[in-house]
Amino acid sequence: MAATASVSINNLFSYIGWTFLPNLVTGWIQAIYYGIVIRAGDAKPQPGTPLYIKHRRRIHITVVLAYLAYTIYEADYWMRQAGDFYQLLGVPLDADEKMIKSRFRRLAALHHPDKISSVFGSDRDTGAADTYFVSLKTAQDTLSNPVKRYAYERFGPDIVQWQHCSTVKDYLWAGLPSASGFYIGSFILMIVLGTLGYVNWGRYWRYLTFTALCIVEIYILTRTYTPPILTSIINPFFTTFTTHPPLLPFQLLHLARKSIFTLFIALSQLSSFFAPPTSPTASSSNGGIDPQQLARLEQMAQGSDMELARLLSLEMAPFAGDEGMVRELRGRTREWLVTNTIRADPEVRDAVGRALGKRRAGAPAGARP
C-alpha cells in the first residue's frame, strides 16, 4: 500500500507539472521568438489570428517533445546515480559466485573501516567507510545467493529488507504486490482524470498499453532468465556504442513505466492537434450550436431585456403622471427612430444620392456647385 501511495503521488505531481509547464514555457518562447524575428515597430501576430495559432502550435509541440525527452532522461539519470550491486562491486552481469567473492575480498581489503580509521583517524571518514563497507557486504551477500540474486535483478534493492523471504516463491509473493502499486495508482489516476474530462483522447489505446505493460512485467518477474530484449539488443547496444551501463530487469521496468506514463501525458497535451475534427452530422439540429449554449444565450437576452426595461422606467420617471408630455415624448421618439432608420438604410442613401446627382446634372452650369 505504501508503494501504491508513493507511485500515485509521484504520478500526480508529474501530471501537475505537465499541466502548466508546457503552456507556460510555450508562451515565454513565443514572446521571445517574436522579439527576435519581428523588428521594432512592426506589428506582431495577435492572439487568435491564424499565424499566431500556427506559431503557437509548432512551439507547443516542440516544447512537449523536449519535456518528454527531458523527463525520460531525468529518470534514467537518477537511476544511474543510484547504481546497482554489480557496479558497486565492479563485476559484469554474468559474473559467477567465485568472481563476486574474489572481487569483494579485494575491495574489503582496501576499504575496511579498521584500515581507514588507522590511516585517517577522522570520525567522518570512518563513518563513510563503515557505510561503504556495509554496502559492499550487502552486494556480495545478495549476488552470491542465487535466490536473492534472482529477486534483486527483478525487484531491486528493496529485497534486502525482506528478511522473511528465503525461496523464489517467497520473493515473488512479496514483490508482486509492490510492483502492482504503479498500475493500481496509475489506473485510479486515469479513471479520475477521465471522469473529470481530462486525457480522454486515445483512452482505449492507453488502457490497452498499460495492460500489455503489466503482462510483460509479470512475464519478466516470473521467469528465471533475463529477458532476451536485454541480453540481445539493449545491453549490447549500450556496451558497444555508449558509456551507459547495462540495464537490469528492474531498471528496464522502471524506465518503461516512467516512459509510458509520461508519453501518455504528452499525447494528451497534443491531442487537440491530432484529434479528428467534429463531423457536421454529429452536431445538433440547431445549425451545429449546442443546445446548452442556446439556453445560456436566451437567458442572457432575457436578462438584457429586463435591464433595459428597468433603465427606461428610470428615465421616464420625471414624466410620470403627465400624459401630454409622455405622448409628445413618444411621438418625437418615434419620429427620431423612423428618420434615423431611413437615413441609415444604404438603399435610401443611394436613392437620395442618385436623385441629387440627376438634379445637379440638369441644372444650369452656373447653378451647379
Protein backbone atom coordinates (compact mmCIF):
# COMPACT_ATOMS: atom_id res chain seq x y z
CA MET A 1 0.00 0.00 0.00
CA ALA A 2 2.85 2.37 0.75
CA ALA A 3 4.32 1.70 -2.69
CA THR A 4 0.91 2.33 -4.28
CA ALA A 5 0.52 5.64 -2.49
CA SER A 6 4.08 6.67 -3.36
CA VAL A 7 3.65 5.87 -7.04
CA SER A 8 0.27 7.62 -7.16
CA ILE A 9 1.71 10.76 -5.57
CA ASN A 10 4.69 10.76 -7.93
CA ASN A 11 2.42 10.34 -10.95
CA LEU A 12 0.11 13.05 -9.65
CA PHE A 13 2.97 15.52 -9.24
CA SER A 14 4.25 14.56 -12.69
CA TYR A 15 0.82 15.23 -14.18
CA ILE A 16 0.56 18.57 -12.36
CA GLY A 17 3.92 19.61 -13.81
CA TRP A 18 2.78 18.56 -17.27
CA THR A 19 -0.46 20.52 -16.83
CA PHE A 20 1.01 24.01 -16.62
CA LEU A 21 4.71 23.89 -17.54
CA PRO A 22 4.42 23.28 -21.33
CA ASN A 23 1.84 26.06 -21.77
CA LEU A 24 3.87 28.43 -19.61
CA VAL A 25 7.12 27.74 -21.47
CA THR A 26 5.34 27.94 -24.83
CA GLY A 27 4.14 31.45 -24.02
CA TRP A 28 7.64 32.54 -22.98
CA ILE A 29 9.31 31.09 -26.07
CA GLN A 30 6.71 32.56 -28.40
CA ALA A 31 7.19 36.02 -26.87
CA ILE A 32 10.99 35.69 -27.19
CA TYR A 33 10.63 34.42 -30.77
CA TYR A 34 8.55 37.44 -31.78
CA GLY A 35 11.01 39.73 -30.06
CA ILE A 36 13.86 38.28 -32.16
CA VAL A 37 12.33 37.84 -35.62
CA ILE A 38 9.98 40.86 -35.70
CA ARG A 39 11.59 44.27 -35.96
CA ALA A 40 10.71 47.07 -33.59
CA GLY A 41 7.67 48.95 -34.82
CA ASP A 42 6.29 46.07 -36.91
CA ALA A 43 3.00 44.52 -35.88
CA LYS A 44 3.19 41.18 -34.10
CA PRO A 45 0.64 38.42 -34.78
CA GLN A 46 -2.24 38.88 -32.38
CA PRO A 47 -3.70 36.01 -30.30
CA GLY A 48 -6.44 34.23 -32.21
CA THR A 49 -5.09 35.03 -35.67
CA PRO A 50 -4.16 32.08 -37.96
CA LEU A 51 -0.45 32.99 -37.97
CA TYR A 52 -0.33 33.27 -34.17
CA ILE A 53 -2.10 29.90 -33.78
CA LYS A 54 0.27 28.29 -36.30
CA HIS A 55 3.37 29.54 -34.44
CA ARG A 56 1.96 28.54 -31.06
CA ARG A 57 1.11 25.03 -32.30
CA ARG A 58 4.65 24.44 -33.59
CA ILE A 59 6.29 25.83 -30.47
CA HIS A 60 3.97 23.85 -28.20
CA ILE A 61 4.71 20.56 -29.98
CA THR A 62 8.46 21.25 -29.72
CA VAL A 63 8.19 22.11 -26.02
CA VAL A 64 6.15 18.99 -25.21
CA LEU A 65 8.53 16.66 -27.06
CA ALA A 66 11.54 18.32 -25.40
CA TYR A 67 9.95 17.99 -21.96
CA LEU A 68 9.12 14.35 -22.70
CA ALA A 69 12.76 13.63 -23.59
CA TYR A 70 13.96 15.50 -20.50
CA THR A 71 11.61 13.59 -18.19
CA ILE A 72 12.82 10.23 -19.50
CA TYR A 73 16.45 11.35 -19.36
CA GLU A 74 15.98 12.56 -15.78
CA ALA A 75 14.56 9.19 -14.72
CA ASP A 76 17.49 7.40 -16.35
CA TYR A 77 19.99 9.84 -14.82
CA TRP A 78 18.81 9.32 -11.25
CA MET A 79 18.69 5.58 -11.81
CA ARG A 80 22.34 5.62 -12.96
CA GLN A 81 23.27 7.79 -9.99
CA ALA A 82 21.76 5.22 -7.64
CA GLY A 83 23.80 2.47 -9.32
CA ASP A 84 23.41 -1.23 -8.64
CA PHE A 85 25.24 -4.02 -6.84
CA TYR A 86 27.13 -5.09 -9.97
CA GLN A 87 28.54 -1.61 -10.48
CA LEU A 88 29.33 -1.32 -6.78
CA LEU A 89 31.45 -4.47 -6.89
CA GLY A 90 32.74 -3.78 -10.40
CA VAL A 91 31.73 -7.14 -11.86
CA PRO A 92 29.81 -7.96 -15.08
CA LEU A 93 26.20 -9.08 -15.04
CA ASP A 94 27.18 -12.69 -15.81
CA ALA A 95 29.77 -12.92 -13.01
CA ASP A 96 29.76 -16.21 -11.12
CA GLU A 97 29.90 -16.64 -7.36
CA LYS A 98 33.69 -17.13 -7.35
CA MET A 99 34.33 -13.85 -9.19
CA ILE A 100 31.93 -11.97 -6.91
CA LYS A 101 33.58 -13.19 -3.71
CA SER A 102 37.06 -12.59 -5.07
CA ARG A 103 36.16 -9.02 -6.00
CA PHE A 104 34.60 -8.42 -2.60
CA ARG A 105 37.71 -9.63 -0.74
CA ARG A 106 39.87 -7.27 -2.80
CA LEU A 107 37.62 -4.28 -2.13
CA ALA A 108 37.21 -5.20 1.53
CA ALA A 109 40.99 -5.17 1.95
CA LEU A 110 41.12 -1.64 0.53
CA HIS A 111 38.07 -0.15 2.23
CA HIS A 112 37.79 -1.95 5.55
CA PRO A 113 36.77 0.54 8.30
CA ASP A 114 39.69 -0.50 10.56
CA LYS A 115 42.17 0.31 7.81
CA ILE A 116 40.52 3.65 7.06
CA SER A 117 40.48 4.68 10.71
CA SER A 118 44.15 3.76 11.16
CA VAL A 119 45.15 5.86 8.15
CA PHE A 120 42.91 8.95 8.51
CA GLY A 121 41.64 8.76 12.06
CA SER A 122 38.65 11.00 11.27
CA ASP A 123 35.20 10.08 12.54
CA ARG A 124 33.64 11.39 9.33
CA ASP A 125 35.93 9.25 7.17
CA THR A 126 35.35 6.26 9.42
CA GLY A 127 31.56 6.68 9.18
CA ALA A 128 31.70 6.89 5.40
CA ALA A 129 33.96 3.83 5.29
CA ASP A 130 31.54 1.88 7.51
CA THR A 131 28.62 2.74 5.19
CA TYR A 132 30.58 1.82 2.08
CA PHE A 133 31.80 -1.46 3.58
CA VAL A 134 28.26 -2.43 4.62
CA SER A 135 27.09 -1.71 1.06
CA LEU A 136 29.86 -3.93 -0.32
CA LYS A 137 28.96 -6.71 2.11
CA THR A 138 25.25 -6.45 1.22
CA ALA A 139 26.03 -6.57 -2.50
CA GLN A 140 28.28 -9.58 -2.08
CA ASP A 141 25.76 -11.47 0.08
CA THR A 142 22.93 -10.73 -2.37
CA LEU A 143 24.73 -11.65 -5.58
CA SER A 144 26.36 -14.74 -4.11
CA ASN A 145 22.98 -16.20 -3.21
CA PRO A 146 21.14 -17.40 -6.39
CA VAL A 147 17.69 -16.82 -4.88
CA LYS A 148 18.49 -13.31 -3.64
CA ARG A 149 20.24 -12.53 -6.91
CA TYR A 150 17.13 -13.52 -8.85
CA ALA A 151 14.96 -11.37 -6.61
CA TYR A 152 17.35 -8.40 -6.74
CA GLU A 153 17.51 -8.36 -10.54
CA ARG A 154 13.71 -8.22 -10.74
CA PHE A 155 12.63 -6.16 -7.72
CA GLY A 156 15.69 -4.03 -6.99
CA PRO A 157 17.45 -3.24 -3.70
CA ASP A 158 14.19 -3.29 -1.71
CA ILE A 159 14.54 -7.06 -1.39
CA VAL A 160 17.28 -6.51 1.22
CA GLN A 161 14.53 -5.52 3.65
CA TRP A 162 12.50 -8.67 3.01
CA GLN A 163 14.08 -10.68 5.79
CA HIS A 164 11.25 -13.25 5.95
CA CYS A 165 11.86 -14.47 2.37
CA SER A 166 14.06 -17.48 1.64
CA THR A 167 12.74 -19.00 -1.60
CA VAL A 168 11.88 -17.72 -5.07
CA LYS A 169 8.19 -18.15 -4.28
CA ASP A 170 8.55 -16.08 -1.11
CA TYR A 171 10.19 -13.23 -3.02
CA LEU A 172 7.53 -13.38 -5.74
CA TRP A 173 4.69 -13.14 -3.25
CA ALA A 174 6.46 -10.27 -1.51
CA GLY A 175 7.39 -8.41 -4.70
CA LEU A 176 4.30 -8.69 -6.87
CA PRO A 177 2.08 -6.53 -4.61
CA SER A 178 4.83 -3.92 -4.50
CA ALA A 179 5.23 -3.96 -8.29
CA SER A 180 1.48 -3.67 -8.79
CA GLY A 181 1.46 -0.34 -6.97
CA PHE A 182 2.33 1.55 -10.15
CA TYR A 183 -0.53 0.03 -12.11
CA ILE A 184 -3.09 0.43 -9.35
CA GLY A 185 -2.14 4.05 -8.78
CA SER A 186 -1.99 4.86 -12.50
CA PHE A 187 -5.31 3.21 -13.30
CA ILE A 188 -7.01 5.07 -10.45
CA LEU A 189 -5.45 8.34 -11.60
CA MET A 190 -6.54 7.78 -15.23
CA ILE A 191 -10.09 6.92 -14.17
CA VAL A 192 -10.33 10.05 -12.02
CA LEU A 193 -8.89 12.29 -14.74
CA GLY A 194 -11.14 10.68 -17.37
CA THR A 195 -14.18 11.26 -15.16
CA LEU A 196 -13.21 14.92 -14.84
CA GLY A 197 -12.92 15.22 -18.62
CA TYR A 198 -9.13 15.07 -18.99
CA VAL A 199 -6.94 12.66 -21.02
CA ASN A 200 -9.96 11.32 -22.93
CA TRP A 201 -8.19 11.23 -26.29
CA GLY A 202 -6.81 7.75 -27.05
CA ARG A 203 -8.34 6.28 -23.90
CA TYR A 204 -8.73 2.81 -25.43
CA TRP A 205 -5.06 2.60 -26.51
CA ARG A 206 -3.93 3.98 -23.18
CA TYR A 207 -5.65 1.23 -21.20
CA LEU A 208 -4.54 -1.39 -23.74
CA THR A 209 -0.89 -0.33 -23.49
CA PHE A 210 -0.98 -0.28 -19.69
CA THR A 211 -2.48 -3.77 -19.68
CA ALA A 212 0.19 -5.01 -22.13
CA LEU A 213 2.97 -3.49 -19.99
CA CYS A 214 1.51 -5.16 -16.89
CA ILE A 215 1.52 -8.55 -18.67
CA VAL A 216 5.12 -8.02 -19.83
CA GLU A 217 6.19 -7.13 -16.30
CA ILE A 218 4.54 -10.24 -14.87
CA TYR A 219 6.33 -12.28 -17.53
CA ILE A 220 9.73 -10.77 -16.65
CA LEU A 221 9.22 -11.15 -12.90
CA THR A 222 8.18 -14.79 -13.07
CA ARG A 223 10.98 -16.02 -15.37
CA THR A 224 14.32 -17.23 -14.03
CA TYR A 225 16.26 -15.91 -17.05
CA THR A 226 16.99 -12.37 -18.18
CA PRO A 227 14.64 -11.07 -20.91
CA PRO A 228 16.14 -11.56 -24.41
CA ILE A 229 15.50 -7.90 -25.24
CA LEU A 230 18.13 -7.00 -22.64
CA THR A 231 20.70 -9.66 -23.42
CA SER A 232 20.41 -9.45 -27.23
CA ILE A 233 19.51 -5.82 -28.04
CA ILE A 234 19.62 -3.17 -25.31
CA ASN A 235 22.69 -4.10 -23.27
CA PRO A 236 24.88 -4.98 -26.30
CA PHE A 237 23.97 -1.60 -27.81
CA PHE A 238 24.85 0.24 -24.58
CA THR A 239 28.16 -1.53 -24.07
CA THR A 240 29.20 -1.18 -27.73
CA PHE A 241 28.16 2.34 -28.68
CA THR A 242 27.71 4.26 -25.40
CA THR A 243 29.11 4.61 -21.90
CA HIS A 244 25.73 3.76 -20.38
CA PRO A 245 25.98 0.77 -18.01
CA PRO A 246 23.94 -2.32 -18.90
CA LEU A 247 20.43 -2.50 -17.51
CA LEU A 248 18.99 -4.99 -15.09
CA PRO A 249 15.37 -6.16 -15.45
CA PHE A 250 14.10 -3.95 -12.60
CA GLN A 251 15.81 -0.92 -14.16
CA LEU A 252 14.26 -1.68 -17.55
CA LEU A 253 10.82 -1.94 -15.96
CA HIS A 254 11.33 1.31 -14.08
CA LEU A 255 12.20 3.18 -17.28
CA ALA A 256 9.32 1.53 -19.16
CA ARG A 257 6.78 2.60 -16.53
CA LYS A 258 8.09 6.14 -16.43
CA SER A 259 8.26 6.41 -20.22
CA ILE A 260 4.76 5.04 -20.82
CA PHE A 261 3.12 7.27 -18.21
CA THR A 262 4.98 10.35 -19.42
CA LEU A 263 4.25 9.56 -23.07
CA PHE A 264 0.53 9.36 -22.40
CA ILE A 265 0.54 12.71 -20.64
CA ALA A 266 2.49 14.23 -23.54
CA LEU A 267 -0.02 12.83 -26.05
CA SER A 268 -2.89 14.26 -24.02
CA GLN A 269 -1.18 17.66 -24.30
CA LEU A 270 -1.04 17.23 -28.10
CA SER A 271 -4.46 15.61 -28.50
CA SER A 272 -6.05 18.83 -29.79
CA PHE A 273 -3.59 18.76 -32.73
CA PHE A 274 -4.23 15.11 -33.64
CA ALA A 275 -7.91 14.59 -32.77
CA PRO A 276 -10.14 14.47 -35.90
CA PRO A 277 -12.49 17.44 -36.38
CA THR A 278 -16.08 17.04 -35.32
CA SER A 279 -18.35 15.95 -38.16
CA PRO A 280 -21.15 18.36 -39.06
CA THR A 281 -23.67 15.50 -38.86
CA ALA A 282 -22.72 14.96 -35.24
CA SER A 283 -23.89 18.43 -34.28
CA SER A 284 -27.36 19.22 -33.15
CA SER A 285 -30.23 20.27 -35.39
CA ASN A 286 -29.80 23.90 -34.33
CA GLY A 287 -27.25 24.71 -37.04
CA GLY A 288 -24.43 23.00 -35.16
CA ILE A 289 -24.94 25.06 -31.98
CA ASP A 290 -25.01 23.33 -28.65
CA PRO A 291 -28.50 23.48 -27.04
CA GLN A 292 -26.89 24.46 -23.74
CA GLN A 293 -25.27 27.43 -25.46
CA LEU A 294 -28.64 28.44 -26.91
CA ALA A 295 -30.23 28.24 -23.47
CA ARG A 296 -27.49 30.42 -21.98
CA LEU A 297 -27.89 32.95 -24.82
CA GLU A 298 -31.64 33.04 -24.25
CA GLN A 299 -31.15 33.67 -20.55
CA MET A 300 -28.68 36.48 -21.31
CA ALA A 301 -31.14 38.06 -23.78
CA GLN A 302 -33.96 37.93 -21.25
CA GLY A 303 -31.72 39.46 -18.62
CA SER A 304 -30.71 42.24 -21.01
CA ASP A 305 -34.38 43.00 -21.83
CA MET A 306 -35.24 43.25 -18.14
CA GLU A 307 -32.29 45.54 -17.50
CA LEU A 308 -33.22 47.79 -20.45
CA ALA A 309 -36.84 48.00 -19.26
CA ARG A 310 -35.65 48.98 -15.79
CA LEU A 311 -33.35 51.69 -17.17
CA LEU A 312 -36.12 53.02 -19.43
CA SER A 313 -38.53 53.24 -16.49
CA LEU A 314 -35.91 55.20 -14.57
CA GLU A 315 -35.51 57.62 -17.50
CA MET A 316 -39.31 58.08 -17.74
CA ALA A 317 -39.73 58.67 -14.01
CA PRO A 318 -39.72 62.56 -14.31
CA PHE A 319 -42.67 62.39 -16.72
CA ALA A 320 -44.83 60.07 -14.62
CA GLY A 321 -48.41 61.35 -14.39
CA ASP A 322 -48.09 63.88 -17.25
CA GLU A 323 -49.97 62.18 -20.11
CA GLY A 324 -49.42 65.05 -22.57
CA MET A 325 -45.66 65.10 -22.05
CA VAL A 326 -45.46 61.32 -22.31
CA ARG A 327 -47.48 61.41 -25.56
CA GLU A 328 -45.26 64.11 -27.04
CA LEU A 329 -42.10 62.24 -25.99
CA ARG A 330 -43.34 59.07 -27.63
CA GLY A 331 -44.16 60.93 -30.85
CA ARG A 332 -40.75 62.59 -31.02
CA THR A 333 -39.00 59.30 -30.21
CA ARG A 334 -40.95 57.53 -32.97
CA GLU A 335 -40.12 60.31 -35.43
CA TRP A 336 -36.42 60.14 -34.48
CA LEU A 337 -36.30 56.38 -34.88
CA VAL A 338 -38.03 56.45 -38.28
CA THR A 339 -35.85 59.29 -39.56
CA ASN A 340 -32.57 57.68 -38.42
CA THR A 341 -33.62 54.29 -39.74
CA ILE A 342 -34.36 55.75 -43.16
CA ARG A 343 -31.13 57.72 -43.20
CA ALA A 344 -29.07 54.73 -42.11
CA ASP A 345 -30.56 52.48 -44.82
CA PRO A 346 -27.95 52.02 -47.62
CA GLU A 347 -30.64 51.78 -50.34
CA VAL A 348 -32.27 55.03 -49.20
CA ARG A 349 -28.90 56.78 -49.16
CA ASP A 350 -28.15 55.51 -52.67
CA ALA A 351 -31.54 56.61 -53.99
CA VAL A 352 -31.15 60.09 -52.48
CA GLY A 353 -27.64 60.32 -53.93
CA ARG A 354 -28.86 59.35 -57.42
CA ALA A 355 -31.72 61.86 -57.24
CA LEU A 356 -29.40 64.65 -56.19
CA GLY A 357 -26.99 63.68 -58.96
CA LYS A 358 -29.71 63.87 -61.60
CA ARG A 359 -30.89 67.23 -60.28
CA ARG A 360 -27.36 68.65 -60.42
CA ALA A 361 -26.80 67.21 -63.89
CA GLY A 362 -29.91 69.00 -65.26
CA ALA A 363 -29.19 72.35 -63.59
CA PRO A 364 -27.55 75.25 -65.49
CA ALA A 365 -23.78 75.39 -65.42
CA GLY A 366 -23.74 78.42 -63.16
CA ALA A 367 -26.12 76.81 -60.69
CA ARG A 368 -24.02 73.65 -60.18
CA PRO A 369 -21.94 73.57 -57.01
